Each structure stands twice: as structure tokens, then as C-alpha cells.
Protein backbone atom coordinates (compact mmCIF):
# COMPACT_ATOMS: atom_id res chain seq x y z
CA MET A 1 -21.44 -48.87 -25.67
CA ASN A 2 -19.75 -45.48 -25.27
CA TYR A 3 -16.79 -47.58 -22.64
CA ILE A 4 -16.28 -50.12 -26.11
CA LEU A 5 -15.16 -46.87 -27.78
CA PRO A 6 -12.59 -45.38 -25.36
CA LEU A 7 -11.18 -49.66 -24.39
CA ALA A 8 -10.90 -50.59 -27.43
CA LEU A 9 -8.68 -47.28 -27.83
CA GLY A 10 -6.39 -48.05 -24.72
CA MET A 11 -5.40 -51.69 -25.86
CA SER A 12 -4.45 -50.00 -28.91
CA VAL A 13 -2.06 -47.75 -27.22
CA SER A 14 -0.94 -50.27 -24.98
CA MET A 15 0.09 -52.69 -27.86
CA ALA A 16 2.14 -49.52 -29.58
CA VAL A 17 3.30 -48.77 -26.59
CA LEU A 18 4.21 -52.54 -25.89
CA THR A 19 5.77 -54.05 -29.11
CA ARG A 20 7.94 -50.51 -29.40
CA ASN A 21 9.78 -50.98 -25.71
CA LEU A 22 9.66 -54.90 -27.35
CA GLN A 23 11.66 -53.55 -30.46
CA GLY A 24 13.16 -51.72 -28.31
CA ARG A 25 14.60 -54.25 -26.52
CA GLU A 26 15.91 -56.51 -29.00
CA SER A 27 17.77 -53.43 -30.87
CA ARG A 28 19.16 -52.37 -27.33
CA SER A 29 20.44 -56.72 -27.13
CA SER A 30 21.76 -56.80 -30.73
CA PHE A 31 23.78 -53.24 -29.55
CA GLN A 32 25.20 -54.62 -26.66
CA THR A 33 26.16 -57.97 -28.67
CA GLU A 34 28.13 -55.77 -31.17
CA ASP A 35 29.61 -53.69 -29.05
CA THR A 36 30.32 -55.85 -25.93
CA GLU A 37 32.06 -58.28 -29.29
CA PHE A 38 34.35 -54.72 -30.59
CA VAL A 39 35.51 -54.30 -26.11
CA LYS A 40 36.17 -58.51 -26.03
CA ASN A 41 38.42 -58.19 -29.29
CA ALA A 42 40.14 -55.36 -27.97
CA MET A 43 40.87 -56.00 -24.52
CA GLU A 44 42.58 -59.50 -25.29
CA GLY A 45 44.08 -57.33 -28.11
CA GLY A 46 45.51 -54.73 -26.27
CA MET A 47 46.04 -57.50 -23.14
CA ALA A 48 48.34 -59.20 -25.50
CA GLU A 49 50.18 -55.97 -27.14
CA VAL A 50 51.87 -55.93 -23.35
CA MET A 51 52.39 -59.10 -22.81
CA PHE A 52 54.13 -59.66 -26.25
CA GLY A 53 56.25 -56.09 -25.45
CA ASN A 54 56.90 -57.32 -21.53
CA LEU A 55 58.25 -60.75 -23.25
CA ALA A 56 60.65 -58.29 -25.85
CA LEU A 57 61.65 -56.74 -23.18
CA GLU A 58 62.77 -59.76 -21.08
CA GLN A 59 64.47 -61.33 -24.82
CA SER A 60 65.19 -59.36 -27.07
CA THR A 61 68.72 -57.78 -26.93
CA ALA A 62 68.62 -55.43 -30.97
CA GLU A 63 67.78 -51.66 -29.46
CA PRO A 64 65.22 -51.31 -32.47
CA VAL A 65 63.17 -54.48 -31.19
CA ARG A 66 64.04 -53.36 -27.51
CA LYS A 67 62.32 -49.53 -28.26
CA PHE A 68 58.75 -50.68 -30.41
CA ALA A 69 58.33 -52.96 -27.17
CA GLU A 70 58.52 -49.26 -24.57
CA MET A 71 56.73 -48.41 -27.34
CA LEU A 72 53.95 -50.74 -27.33
CA VAL A 73 53.69 -51.69 -23.13
CA SER A 74 53.49 -47.60 -22.77
CA GLU A 75 50.79 -46.89 -25.68
CA HIS A 76 48.83 -50.06 -24.94
CA GLN A 77 48.90 -49.83 -21.10
CA LYS A 78 47.31 -46.75 -21.19
CA ALA A 79 44.30 -47.71 -23.92
CA ASN A 80 43.32 -50.75 -22.60
CA ASN A 81 43.24 -48.26 -19.33
CA GLU A 82 40.52 -45.48 -21.24
CA LEU A 83 38.92 -48.87 -22.64
CA GLU A 84 38.48 -50.74 -19.15
CA LYS A 85 36.99 -47.65 -17.27
CA MET A 86 34.78 -46.67 -19.95
CA VAL A 87 33.41 -50.48 -19.78
CA LYS A 88 33.22 -50.04 -16.97
CA LYS A 89 30.94 -46.92 -16.00
CA LYS A 90 28.95 -48.74 -19.16
CA ASN A 91 28.18 -52.18 -17.28
CA TYR A 92 29.43 -54.42 -19.77
CA ALA A 93 29.34 -58.80 -19.03
CA ASN A 94 32.30 -60.70 -19.23
CA LEU A 95 35.53 -58.83 -19.87
CA PRO A 96 38.43 -60.45 -20.77
CA SER A 97 40.54 -60.69 -17.66
CA GLY A 98 43.52 -61.07 -19.93
CA PRO A 99 44.42 -62.01 -23.79
CA SER A 100 42.77 -64.79 -25.69
CA ALA A 101 43.54 -68.53 -25.92
CA SER A 102 46.08 -68.22 -28.94
CA ALA A 103 47.44 -64.86 -28.65
CA LYS A 104 48.91 -66.98 -25.18
CA GLU A 105 49.83 -69.27 -27.22
CA GLU A 106 51.94 -67.52 -29.61
CA HIS A 107 53.25 -66.42 -26.81
CA LYS A 108 54.90 -69.10 -25.42
CA ARG A 109 56.30 -70.62 -28.80
CA ILE A 110 58.08 -67.27 -29.76
CA GLY A 111 58.76 -66.71 -25.70
CA ASN A 112 60.51 -70.25 -26.87
CA LEU A 113 62.73 -68.76 -29.70
CA SER A 114 66.03 -66.90 -28.71
CA GLY A 115 68.32 -64.00 -30.64
CA ALA A 116 67.20 -63.39 -33.78
CA GLU A 117 64.77 -65.92 -34.75
CA PHE A 118 63.09 -63.74 -31.71
CA ASP A 119 63.10 -60.81 -32.83
CA LYS A 120 62.04 -61.60 -36.00
CA ALA A 121 59.42 -63.86 -35.06
CA PHE A 122 58.07 -61.42 -32.47
CA ALA A 123 58.05 -59.03 -35.28
CA LYS A 124 56.09 -60.46 -37.92
CA TYR A 125 53.59 -60.89 -34.71
CA MET A 126 52.97 -57.30 -34.56
CA VAL A 127 52.41 -57.16 -37.87
CA GLU A 128 49.93 -59.66 -38.48
CA GLU A 129 48.13 -59.06 -34.73
CA HIS A 130 47.58 -55.40 -36.03
CA GLU A 131 46.77 -56.14 -38.82
CA LYS A 132 44.02 -57.59 -37.63
CA THR A 133 43.21 -55.26 -34.83
CA ILE A 134 42.76 -52.63 -37.50
CA SER A 135 40.72 -54.16 -38.82
CA VAL A 136 38.57 -54.63 -35.66
CA PHE A 137 39.04 -51.01 -35.02
CA LEU A 138 37.75 -50.03 -38.26
CA ARG A 139 34.63 -52.67 -38.02
CA GLN A 140 33.74 -50.27 -34.89
CA ILE A 141 34.23 -46.75 -36.37
CA GLU A 142 31.53 -48.06 -39.79
CA SER A 143 29.08 -50.04 -37.42
CA GLY A 144 29.46 -49.90 -33.57
CA LYS A 145 26.48 -48.61 -31.77
CA ASP A 146 27.88 -47.18 -28.84
CA LYS A 147 29.06 -43.78 -30.41
CA GLN A 148 31.37 -43.53 -27.20
CA LEU A 149 33.58 -46.46 -28.08
CA LYS A 150 33.39 -45.09 -31.42
CA THR A 151 34.89 -42.32 -31.22
CA TRP A 152 37.14 -44.46 -28.44
CA ALA A 153 38.26 -46.42 -31.57
CA GLY A 154 38.49 -43.18 -33.63
CA LYS A 155 41.47 -41.59 -31.69
CA THR A 156 42.70 -44.74 -30.56
CA LEU A 157 42.87 -45.53 -34.35
CA PRO A 158 46.00 -43.78 -35.60
CA THR A 159 48.42 -45.58 -33.11
CA LEU A 160 47.49 -48.50 -33.85
CA GLN A 161 47.64 -47.63 -37.94
CA LYS A 162 51.44 -46.47 -36.70
CA HIS A 163 52.53 -49.34 -34.87
CA LEU A 164 51.70 -51.44 -37.48
CA GLU A 165 54.55 -49.32 -39.57
CA GLN A 166 56.57 -49.91 -37.30
CA ALA A 167 56.28 -53.39 -36.88
CA LYS A 168 57.19 -53.56 -40.75
CA ASN A 169 60.28 -51.31 -40.24
CA LEU A 170 61.53 -53.52 -38.08
CA VAL A 171 60.69 -56.47 -40.03
CA GLU A 172 62.45 -54.96 -42.80
CA ILE A 173 65.36 -54.22 -40.28
CA LEU A 174 65.39 -58.06 -38.82
CA ASN A 175 65.41 -58.97 -42.28
CA ALA A 176 68.47 -57.06 -44.17
């Protein structure tokens, strides 16, 4: 009888540890899913911005579009490199190797335009994409689990907001 109480206590402690470990795994799993989705969207978006910036540098003759494109390529490439370095250290799985399929389709569509038609379509797309990207970053800042990713998103957000304002100004200039 003396051994039953310690055995019962040991079993209840083991069950409590097992339950806590399983709960920890569940939270890590959802944490990785939420943050991995942000990483995927941020990386695909950043690579798309570089791709579109390079397209504008190749096709546009409008100086405001070319200046905006240079800034996009430079600043998004820098942000892409920072994010890639961070997530590789964290061993995130299934990182995108390029922009999304929809961005590639839009790149092809806009790339088939020329002159003022190209510039207007490019600027309009930059407004739309920066609005989407900003909402992704705000969601990460508000509800992301990885503190380092939240900090990076918060640090990068002002640059995206600046790009959005400049893209909107570009649309106004081109439609004047």
C-alpha cells in the first residue's frame, strides 16, 4: 500500500507534463503556421516588387516612374535580404523561390504594354499591391507570434507606407 500513493502521484505528474508538452506543440504548430504565412506573403511580395521595379527600369521612359522603380528595387531587395537571412536561421520550411503566380501573370500583362499605358498600369498596380502588403504587415504586427518577425515587420512598415504614398503620387502625375 505504501507504494501506491507515490505511483499514483508519479502518474499524475507524468500526465501533467505530457499534457503541457502536447499543448506546447500545438501552440508552436499554430505559431509556425501564422508566422510562416506572413513570411511567404512578405517574401513573395518583396520579390514581386523587385521584379516589377526592374520591368519599369527596362520599359519606362518617364523619369518619375524610373526613379520610383530604382527605389523599389533597392529598398525591397534590402528588405528581402534581411527577411531571408532571418528566416533561414529559424529554419522556416517551404520558403517561396519567387513571386506568386498572380504576380507573374500581372507582370506579363503589364510587360506587354508600352509608353504611357505601361506607366499608368505599373503605377496603379504598385498602389494596389502596397495596400495589400501593408495589411499583411499590420496583421503580423498585431497578431504574429514570432517577436523577431513582428519587430522586422514594424521596422519595414514605414518604408511600405512611403512606397504607397509615392505610388499614389505617381498615379496622379501620370493621370494629370
